[in-house]
Amino acid sequence: MTPSWESPSTLWVIRTTEVEMILRQGLSARSVIAAADTTVDNAPLQLMLTELLCTLVHLSRRWNLERTKINGKDQKKQKSSSSSTILVMDCGSSVHLFCNPDLLVEVYESDTTLTVRCNAGLKTTRWRGRLPGFGWVWLLHGGVANIVSLSRTKETFRVTYDSALGNSFDVLKKDGSVVKFTERSNRLYCFDLCDRTEESTILITTVDDNKLKFSGQDVAKADQARTLQQRVGRPSTADLIGYIRDKMIKNCPVTTQDVRNAETIYGPDLGCLKGKTVRTKPPPIRVQHNEIPPSIMDHYKNVTLSVDIMKVTGIPFLMTISRDIKFGTAGRLETMQTHHILKHFKKIISTYAVRGFKVTIMLTDNQFESMRDDIANLHVQLHV
């Protein structure tokens, strides 16, 4: 049975079907009118349905346009966050976490995975990079900000804050410059790398500034004194003052005070500094040998060593001390192997032999029992 077009339920079914067709297929108004002409025979109903469908097409286009604008804004926002040059000082972060890889150098993927808890949930990253002049930071692709941890920053740099003086976090770098994290309108303390608002102090003394401290006549006299110093062979300032004081230069128009003023204005003469400092022959080093009294050599020439291995924080040391001479040695053992311990024994025996002593007996514990034959090859008796 063919349904009647005047039936409200049937009209609703037609509208619903056409709306779904418009939203899914994105049909134009012309195709909708053509579809209505071939589907509906009732003229008033056909006209009403056509107007309705055209309105839906218009609304659909506006909805798609708005959705495109929103997506474009989101992409622009995401792009701007990934290319941000603003650093945010955060006292609630325990790590430095950046989102812009263009700010970093030596970016690499580490073996350690960092898990970050934030408003967006749990985020993980394995990428790290180095911010020039600052240090190593973590890199989170798709992040929203370049976070600088206050706790981590104070471990490397000195950080000061005074709400009444500047209202900024001042980070004092090792080169003497100051990076200021100032408060923005969003209540965050930020520093823009593009601004480079760094403060540094350089104390420079110029010749013009020094001339302002003297009268014109004194400056002219200082120039004359410097010219005289160059013409007489560029002696040192102290020697030139001595020449003038002892009247070794006849009819000299320059006084000793003029020479001192020239030194204050211009500094040391460059010609006086060049070529005057030469390498001098160092004094010979004399080594004095203390002779061992013959009585000691007669009674204690044969040495008895007490040997043991002691460990300091897990590091083994070979400790020896002679029974009568009370001369002790301590050597760090790389390993506890026999050949390495014997190497130390040979050095100790050679040290005694240089001064005329001979090691004949070693007193040890059971630890050295396995080395009895090796120690015997050194002509030393082992007593355990």
Protein backbone atom coordinates (compact mmCIF):
# COMPACT_ATOMS: atom_id res chain seq x y z
CA MET A 1 0.00 0.00 0.00
CA THR A 2 1.42 3.39 -1.00
CA PRO A 3 1.57 5.78 1.97
CA SER A 4 -0.19 9.12 1.79
CA TRP A 5 2.14 12.15 1.59
CA GLU A 6 -0.28 14.09 3.76
CA SER A 7 0.38 11.73 6.66
CA PRO A 8 2.43 13.51 9.38
CA SER A 9 4.35 10.33 10.22
CA THR A 10 5.27 9.77 6.60
CA LEU A 11 6.38 13.39 6.18
CA TRP A 12 8.60 13.05 9.26
CA VAL A 13 10.20 9.91 7.80
CA ILE A 14 10.94 11.75 4.55
CA ARG A 15 12.50 14.71 6.38
CA THR A 16 14.63 12.45 8.56
CA THR A 17 15.90 10.50 5.56
CA GLU A 18 16.72 13.64 3.60
CA VAL A 19 18.54 15.23 6.57
CA GLU A 20 20.69 12.14 7.00
CA MET A 21 21.45 12.19 3.28
CA ILE A 22 22.48 15.88 3.48
CA LEU A 23 24.71 15.48 6.53
CA ARG A 24 26.38 12.28 5.34
CA GLN A 25 26.85 13.06 1.65
CA GLY A 26 27.05 16.89 1.78
CA LEU A 27 24.52 17.32 -1.08
CA SER A 28 24.04 20.74 -2.63
CA ALA A 29 20.73 22.61 -2.75
CA ARG A 30 20.27 21.82 -6.50
CA SER A 31 20.62 18.06 -5.94
CA VAL A 32 18.20 18.22 -3.00
CA ILE A 33 15.58 20.02 -5.12
CA ALA A 34 16.02 17.47 -7.89
CA ALA A 35 15.56 14.66 -5.39
CA ALA A 36 12.41 16.31 -4.03
CA ASP A 37 10.98 16.76 -7.57
CA THR A 38 11.36 13.07 -8.35
CA THR A 39 10.09 11.88 -4.99
CA VAL A 40 7.09 14.03 -4.09
CA ASP A 41 3.98 14.43 -6.30
CA ASN A 42 2.04 16.78 -4.04
CA ALA A 43 2.96 20.35 -5.09
CA PRO A 44 2.39 22.18 -1.75
CA LEU A 45 4.16 19.46 0.15
CA GLN A 46 6.95 19.42 -2.43
CA LEU A 47 7.48 23.18 -2.06
CA MET A 48 7.54 23.00 1.73
CA LEU A 49 9.94 20.07 1.69
CA THR A 50 12.24 21.83 -0.78
CA GLU A 51 12.42 24.97 1.37
CA LEU A 52 13.13 22.85 4.43
CA LEU A 53 15.90 20.92 2.76
CA CYS A 54 17.50 24.08 1.35
CA THR A 55 17.52 25.57 4.85
CA LEU A 56 19.19 22.43 6.17
CA VAL A 57 21.83 22.61 3.46
CA HIS A 58 22.58 26.22 4.42
CA LEU A 59 22.81 25.34 8.11
CA SER A 60 25.01 22.34 7.31
CA ARG A 61 27.44 24.52 5.36
CA ARG A 62 27.65 27.03 8.19
CA TRP A 63 28.25 24.21 10.67
CA ASN A 64 31.05 22.78 8.53
CA LEU A 65 32.58 26.25 8.16
CA GLU A 66 32.53 26.87 11.91
CA ARG A 67 34.00 23.42 12.54
CA THR A 68 36.78 24.17 10.06
CA LYS A 69 37.54 27.46 11.84
CA ILE A 70 37.64 25.76 15.22
CA ASN A 71 39.94 23.03 13.94
CA GLY A 72 42.14 25.67 12.35
CA LYS A 73 42.36 27.57 15.63
CA ASP A 74 43.24 24.37 17.49
CA GLN A 75 45.94 23.53 14.99
CA LYS A 76 47.26 27.09 15.15
CA LYS A 77 47.23 26.97 18.93
CA GLN A 78 49.04 23.64 18.94
CA LYS A 79 51.57 24.94 16.44
CA SER A 80 52.14 28.10 18.44
CA SER A 81 52.69 26.12 21.65
CA SER A 82 55.24 23.86 19.97
CA SER A 83 57.13 26.88 18.62
CA SER A 84 56.90 28.97 21.79
CA THR A 85 60.03 30.76 22.96
CA ILE A 86 58.62 31.62 26.39
CA LEU A 87 60.05 29.89 29.46
CA VAL A 88 57.76 29.53 32.48
CA MET A 89 59.25 29.37 35.98
CA ASP A 90 57.28 26.76 37.92
CA CYS A 91 57.78 26.06 41.63
CA GLY A 92 55.47 23.04 41.40
CA SER A 93 57.52 21.15 38.81
CA SER A 94 60.32 18.79 39.76
CA VAL A 95 61.88 18.61 36.25
CA HIS A 96 62.63 20.92 33.34
CA LEU A 97 60.10 20.01 30.61
CA PHE A 98 60.15 21.72 27.21
CA CYS A 99 57.77 21.46 24.27
CA ASN A 100 59.75 23.35 21.60
CA PRO A 101 62.62 21.27 20.17
CA ASP A 102 63.94 24.28 18.21
CA LEU A 103 65.24 25.79 21.45
CA LEU A 104 67.41 22.76 22.21
CA VAL A 105 70.59 21.28 20.84
CA GLU A 106 71.97 17.73 21.04
CA VAL A 107 68.45 16.28 21.20
CA TYR A 108 68.51 12.50 21.65
CA GLU A 109 66.32 9.62 22.83
CA SER A 110 67.52 8.35 26.20
CA ASP A 111 67.15 4.94 27.77
CA THR A 112 65.22 6.41 30.71
CA THR A 113 61.50 7.07 30.49
CA LEU A 114 60.06 10.11 32.27
CA THR A 115 56.47 9.92 33.48
CA VAL A 116 54.80 13.27 34.14
CA ARG A 117 51.59 13.80 36.09
CA CYS A 118 49.74 16.89 34.88
CA ASN A 119 46.24 18.20 34.25
CA ALA A 120 46.05 16.16 31.05
CA GLY A 121 46.82 12.95 32.98
CA LEU A 122 49.96 10.86 32.63
CA LYS A 123 52.45 11.77 29.90
CA THR A 124 55.65 9.90 29.10
CA THR A 125 58.74 10.92 27.14
CA ARG A 126 62.23 9.61 26.49
CA TRP A 127 63.60 12.62 24.66
CA ARG A 128 66.19 14.97 26.15
CA GLY A 129 68.04 18.03 24.91
CA ARG A 130 70.37 20.78 26.10
CA LEU A 131 69.35 24.42 26.37
CA PRO A 132 72.50 26.48 25.62
CA GLY A 133 73.69 28.35 28.67
CA PHE A 134 71.26 26.51 30.95
CA GLY A 135 71.68 22.73 30.92
CA TRP A 136 69.89 19.47 30.09
CA VAL A 137 66.08 19.35 29.98
CA TRP A 138 63.38 16.86 29.03
CA LEU A 139 61.48 17.27 25.76
CA LEU A 140 57.77 16.41 25.50
CA HIS A 141 56.49 16.51 21.93
CA GLY A 142 52.99 17.95 21.86
CA GLY A 143 53.40 19.78 25.17
CA VAL A 144 51.87 23.17 25.86
CA ALA A 145 54.70 25.10 27.57
CA ASN A 146 58.42 25.24 28.27
CA ILE A 147 58.56 24.57 32.00
CA VAL A 148 61.60 25.57 34.07
CA SER A 149 61.68 23.96 37.50
CA LEU A 150 62.55 26.38 40.29
CA SER A 151 63.83 23.53 42.45
CA ARG A 152 66.18 22.29 39.71
CA THR A 153 67.31 25.78 38.74
CA LYS A 154 68.50 26.70 42.23
CA GLU A 155 70.76 23.63 42.25
CA THR A 156 72.79 25.08 39.37
CA PHE A 157 72.27 28.84 39.56
CA ARG A 158 71.60 31.42 42.23
CA VAL A 159 67.93 32.46 42.19
CA THR A 160 66.61 35.53 44.02
CA TYR A 161 63.14 37.02 44.35
CA ASP A 162 61.94 40.30 45.83
CA SER A 163 58.29 41.25 45.40
CA ALA A 164 59.04 44.86 46.26
CA LEU A 165 62.02 45.15 43.92
CA GLY A 166 61.17 44.20 40.35
CA ASN A 167 58.73 41.39 41.23
CA SER A 168 60.73 38.86 39.25
CA PHE A 169 62.74 35.69 39.71
CA ASP A 170 66.34 36.68 38.93
CA VAL A 171 68.59 33.81 37.79
CA LEU A 172 72.27 34.69 38.09
CA LYS A 173 74.24 32.84 35.38
CA LYS A 174 77.87 31.82 35.63
CA ASP A 175 78.97 34.51 33.16
CA GLY A 176 77.56 37.24 35.42
CA SER A 177 74.40 37.93 33.39
CA VAL A 178 70.95 37.94 35.00
CA VAL A 179 67.86 36.32 33.48
CA LYS A 180 64.62 37.86 34.76
CA PHE A 181 61.40 35.83 34.93
CA THR A 182 58.83 38.62 35.20
CA GLU A 183 55.15 38.30 36.08
CA ARG A 184 52.74 38.34 33.14
CA SER A 185 49.03 39.15 33.02
CA ASN A 186 48.21 35.44 33.46
CA ARG A 187 49.98 35.44 36.87
CA LEU A 188 52.86 33.34 35.54
CA TYR A 189 56.53 34.28 35.77
CA CYS A 190 57.96 34.00 32.27
CA PHE A 191 61.06 34.82 30.26
CA ASP A 192 60.93 35.18 26.49
CA LEU A 193 64.09 34.02 24.74
CA CYS A 194 63.32 36.37 21.87
CA ASP A 195 63.50 39.38 24.18
CA ARG A 196 66.82 38.39 25.75
CA THR A 197 66.22 40.77 28.64
CA GLU A 198 69.43 39.83 30.38
CA GLU A 199 71.27 42.22 32.63
CA SER A 200 75.03 42.30 33.03
CA THR A 201 77.46 44.78 34.49
CA ILE A 202 80.79 45.60 32.88
CA LEU A 203 83.04 48.15 34.54
CA ILE A 204 85.03 50.00 31.84
CA THR A 205 87.37 52.88 32.48
CA THR A 206 88.01 55.03 29.41
CA VAL A 207 90.76 57.56 28.77
CA ASP A 208 88.20 60.32 28.26
CA ASP A 209 86.71 59.63 31.67
CA ASN A 210 90.16 59.78 33.24
CA LYS A 211 90.93 63.10 31.56
CA LEU A 212 87.85 64.64 33.17
CA LYS A 213 89.53 64.18 36.54
CA PHE A 214 92.37 66.58 35.61
CA SER A 215 92.63 70.12 34.33
CA GLY A 216 93.58 70.87 30.75
CA GLN A 217 97.06 71.96 31.78
CA ASP A 218 97.69 68.74 33.72
CA VAL A 219 96.52 66.66 30.74
CA ALA A 220 98.90 68.52 28.44
CA LYS A 221 101.76 67.94 30.90
CA ALA A 222 100.83 64.23 31.11
CA ASP A 223 101.00 64.00 27.30
CA GLN A 224 104.44 65.61 27.41
CA ALA A 225 105.57 63.13 30.09
CA ARG A 226 104.39 60.16 28.02
CA THR A 227 106.21 61.51 24.94
CA LEU A 228 109.40 61.90 27.00
CA GLN A 229 109.10 58.32 28.26
CA GLN A 230 108.93 57.05 24.68
CA ARG A 231 111.87 59.15 23.46
CA VAL A 232 114.30 58.07 26.19
CA GLY A 233 113.86 54.38 25.41
CA ARG A 234 110.60 53.56 27.16
CA PRO A 235 111.87 52.97 30.70
CA SER A 236 109.44 51.86 33.34
CA THR A 237 107.45 54.47 35.20
CA ALA A 238 109.46 53.94 38.37
CA ASP A 239 112.79 54.30 36.50
CA LEU A 240 111.61 57.46 34.71
CA ILE A 241 110.58 59.00 38.03
CA GLY A 242 114.04 58.16 39.36
CA TYR A 243 115.72 59.80 36.37
CA ILE A 244 113.73 63.01 36.87
CA ARG A 245 114.18 63.04 40.63
CA ASP A 246 117.95 62.53 40.38
CA LYS A 247 118.14 65.18 37.60
CA MET A 248 119.70 62.75 35.18
CA ILE A 249 117.82 64.46 32.30
CA LYS A 250 119.05 68.01 31.87
CA ASN A 251 116.55 70.82 31.40
CA CYS A 252 113.65 68.37 31.79
CA PRO A 253 110.29 70.19 31.63
CA VAL A 254 108.45 67.21 33.12
CA THR A 255 107.98 66.64 36.82
CA THR A 256 107.50 63.36 38.66
CA GLN A 257 103.83 64.26 39.23
CA ASP A 258 103.34 64.62 35.46
CA VAL A 259 104.63 61.06 35.02
CA ARG A 260 102.22 59.76 37.65
CA ASN A 261 99.32 61.62 36.02
CA ALA A 262 100.18 60.05 32.66
CA GLU A 263 100.12 56.63 34.29
CA THR A 264 96.70 57.38 35.78
CA ILE A 265 95.21 58.68 32.53
CA TYR A 266 96.68 56.31 29.96
CA GLY A 267 97.78 53.37 32.05
CA PRO A 268 101.15 51.63 31.59
CA ASP A 269 102.96 52.41 28.37
CA LEU A 270 102.50 49.58 25.88
CA GLY A 271 106.11 49.70 24.77
CA CYS A 272 107.24 49.25 28.38
CA LEU A 273 105.28 46.03 28.66
CA LYS A 274 106.41 44.42 25.40
CA GLY A 275 109.71 42.59 25.20
CA LYS A 276 110.94 43.41 28.70
CA THR A 277 109.89 40.27 30.49
CA VAL A 278 112.20 37.42 29.53
CA ARG A 279 112.65 33.99 30.96
CA THR A 280 115.17 33.95 33.73
CA LYS A 281 117.26 30.95 34.60
CA PRO A 282 115.72 29.19 37.58
CA PRO A 283 117.96 28.47 40.55
CA PRO A 284 119.35 24.95 40.67
CA ILE A 285 117.57 22.46 42.83
CA ARG A 286 119.80 20.86 45.36
CA VAL A 287 118.71 17.58 46.86
CA GLN A 288 120.12 16.79 50.25
CA HIS A 289 120.52 13.14 51.16
CA ASN A 290 120.31 12.27 54.81
CA GLU A 291 122.82 9.60 55.58
CA ILE A 292 121.67 6.73 57.75
CA PRO A 293 123.84 6.37 60.85
CA PRO A 294 126.12 3.31 60.69
CA SER A 295 124.82 2.07 64.03
CA ILE A 296 121.31 1.70 62.60
CA MET A 297 122.57 -0.11 59.52
CA ASP A 298 124.57 -2.50 61.70
CA HIS A 299 121.63 -3.45 63.92
CA TYR A 300 118.56 -3.09 61.66
CA LYS A 301 119.79 -3.80 58.14
CA ASN A 302 117.58 -6.89 57.92
CA VAL A 303 113.97 -5.74 58.07
CA THR A 304 110.97 -7.64 59.39
CA LEU A 305 107.66 -6.48 57.88
CA SER A 306 104.20 -6.83 59.37
CA VAL A 307 101.72 -7.11 56.50
CA ASP A 308 97.93 -6.99 56.37
CA ILE A 309 95.11 -5.94 54.06
CA MET A 310 92.68 -3.32 55.32
CA LYS A 311 89.52 -2.09 53.61
CA VAL A 312 88.30 1.49 53.70
CA THR A 313 84.69 1.82 52.48
CA GLY A 314 85.18 -1.46 50.63
CA ILE A 315 88.48 -0.42 48.95
CA PRO A 316 91.40 -2.77 49.82
CA PHE A 317 94.79 -1.36 50.85
CA LEU A 318 98.01 -3.30 51.42
CA MET A 319 99.46 -2.04 54.72
CA THR A 320 103.05 -2.74 55.89
CA ILE A 321 105.20 -1.52 58.77
CA SER A 322 108.71 -2.53 59.74
CA ARG A 323 109.18 -3.88 63.25
CA ASP A 324 112.18 -1.82 64.38
CA ILE A 325 112.45 1.08 61.93
CA LYS A 326 108.71 1.77 62.15
CA PHE A 327 108.55 2.74 58.48
CA GLY A 328 105.04 2.18 57.09
CA THR A 329 103.58 1.96 53.60
CA ALA A 330 100.05 1.87 52.21
CA GLY A 331 99.11 0.94 48.64
CA ARG A 332 95.70 0.67 47.02
CA LEU A 333 94.99 -2.74 45.48
CA GLU A 334 93.21 -2.71 42.15
CA THR A 335 92.30 -6.39 42.59
CA MET A 336 92.86 -9.09 45.21
CA GLN A 337 94.65 -11.35 42.76
CA THR A 338 98.02 -12.83 43.67
CA HIS A 339 100.04 -11.26 40.85
CA HIS A 340 98.77 -7.79 41.76
CA ILE A 341 99.70 -8.19 45.45
CA LEU A 342 103.14 -9.48 44.49
CA LYS A 343 103.64 -6.38 42.35
CA HIS A 344 103.16 -4.25 45.48
CA PHE A 345 105.56 -6.45 47.46
CA LYS A 346 108.28 -5.92 44.85
CA LYS A 347 107.88 -2.14 45.08
CA ILE A 348 108.09 -2.22 48.88
CA ILE A 349 111.21 -4.40 48.86
CA SER A 350 112.84 -2.11 46.26
CA THR A 351 112.07 0.94 48.44
CA TYR A 352 113.97 -0.58 51.35
CA ALA A 353 116.80 -1.75 49.09
CA VAL A 354 117.45 1.79 47.78
CA ARG A 355 118.50 2.91 51.28
CA GLY A 356 120.53 -0.25 51.96
CA PHE A 357 117.95 -2.33 53.87
CA LYS A 358 116.93 -5.89 53.07
CA VAL A 359 113.50 -7.34 53.76
CA THR A 360 114.00 -10.87 55.08
CA ILE A 361 110.82 -11.76 56.99
CA MET A 362 107.11 -11.03 56.47
CA LEU A 363 104.58 -11.51 59.27
CA THR A 364 101.11 -12.13 57.83
CA ASP A 365 97.87 -13.97 58.52
CA ASN A 366 96.43 -17.04 56.79
CA GLN A 367 95.26 -14.95 53.87
CA PHE A 368 98.80 -14.97 52.40
CA GLU A 369 99.44 -18.72 52.90
CA SER A 370 98.73 -19.43 49.24
CA MET A 371 101.50 -16.98 48.26
CA ARG A 372 104.27 -18.69 50.24
CA ASP A 373 106.16 -19.96 47.19
CA ASP A 374 105.83 -16.67 45.33
CA ILE A 375 107.14 -14.71 48.33
CA ALA A 376 110.01 -17.18 48.71
CA ASN A 377 111.09 -16.34 45.15
CA LEU A 378 111.59 -12.77 46.42
CA HIS A 379 114.10 -14.15 48.99
CA VAL A 380 111.73 -13.39 51.85
CA GLN A 381 110.54 -15.81 54.54
CA LEU A 382 106.80 -15.89 55.22
CA HIS A 383 105.62 -16.36 58.80
CA VAL A 384 101.90 -16.90 59.25
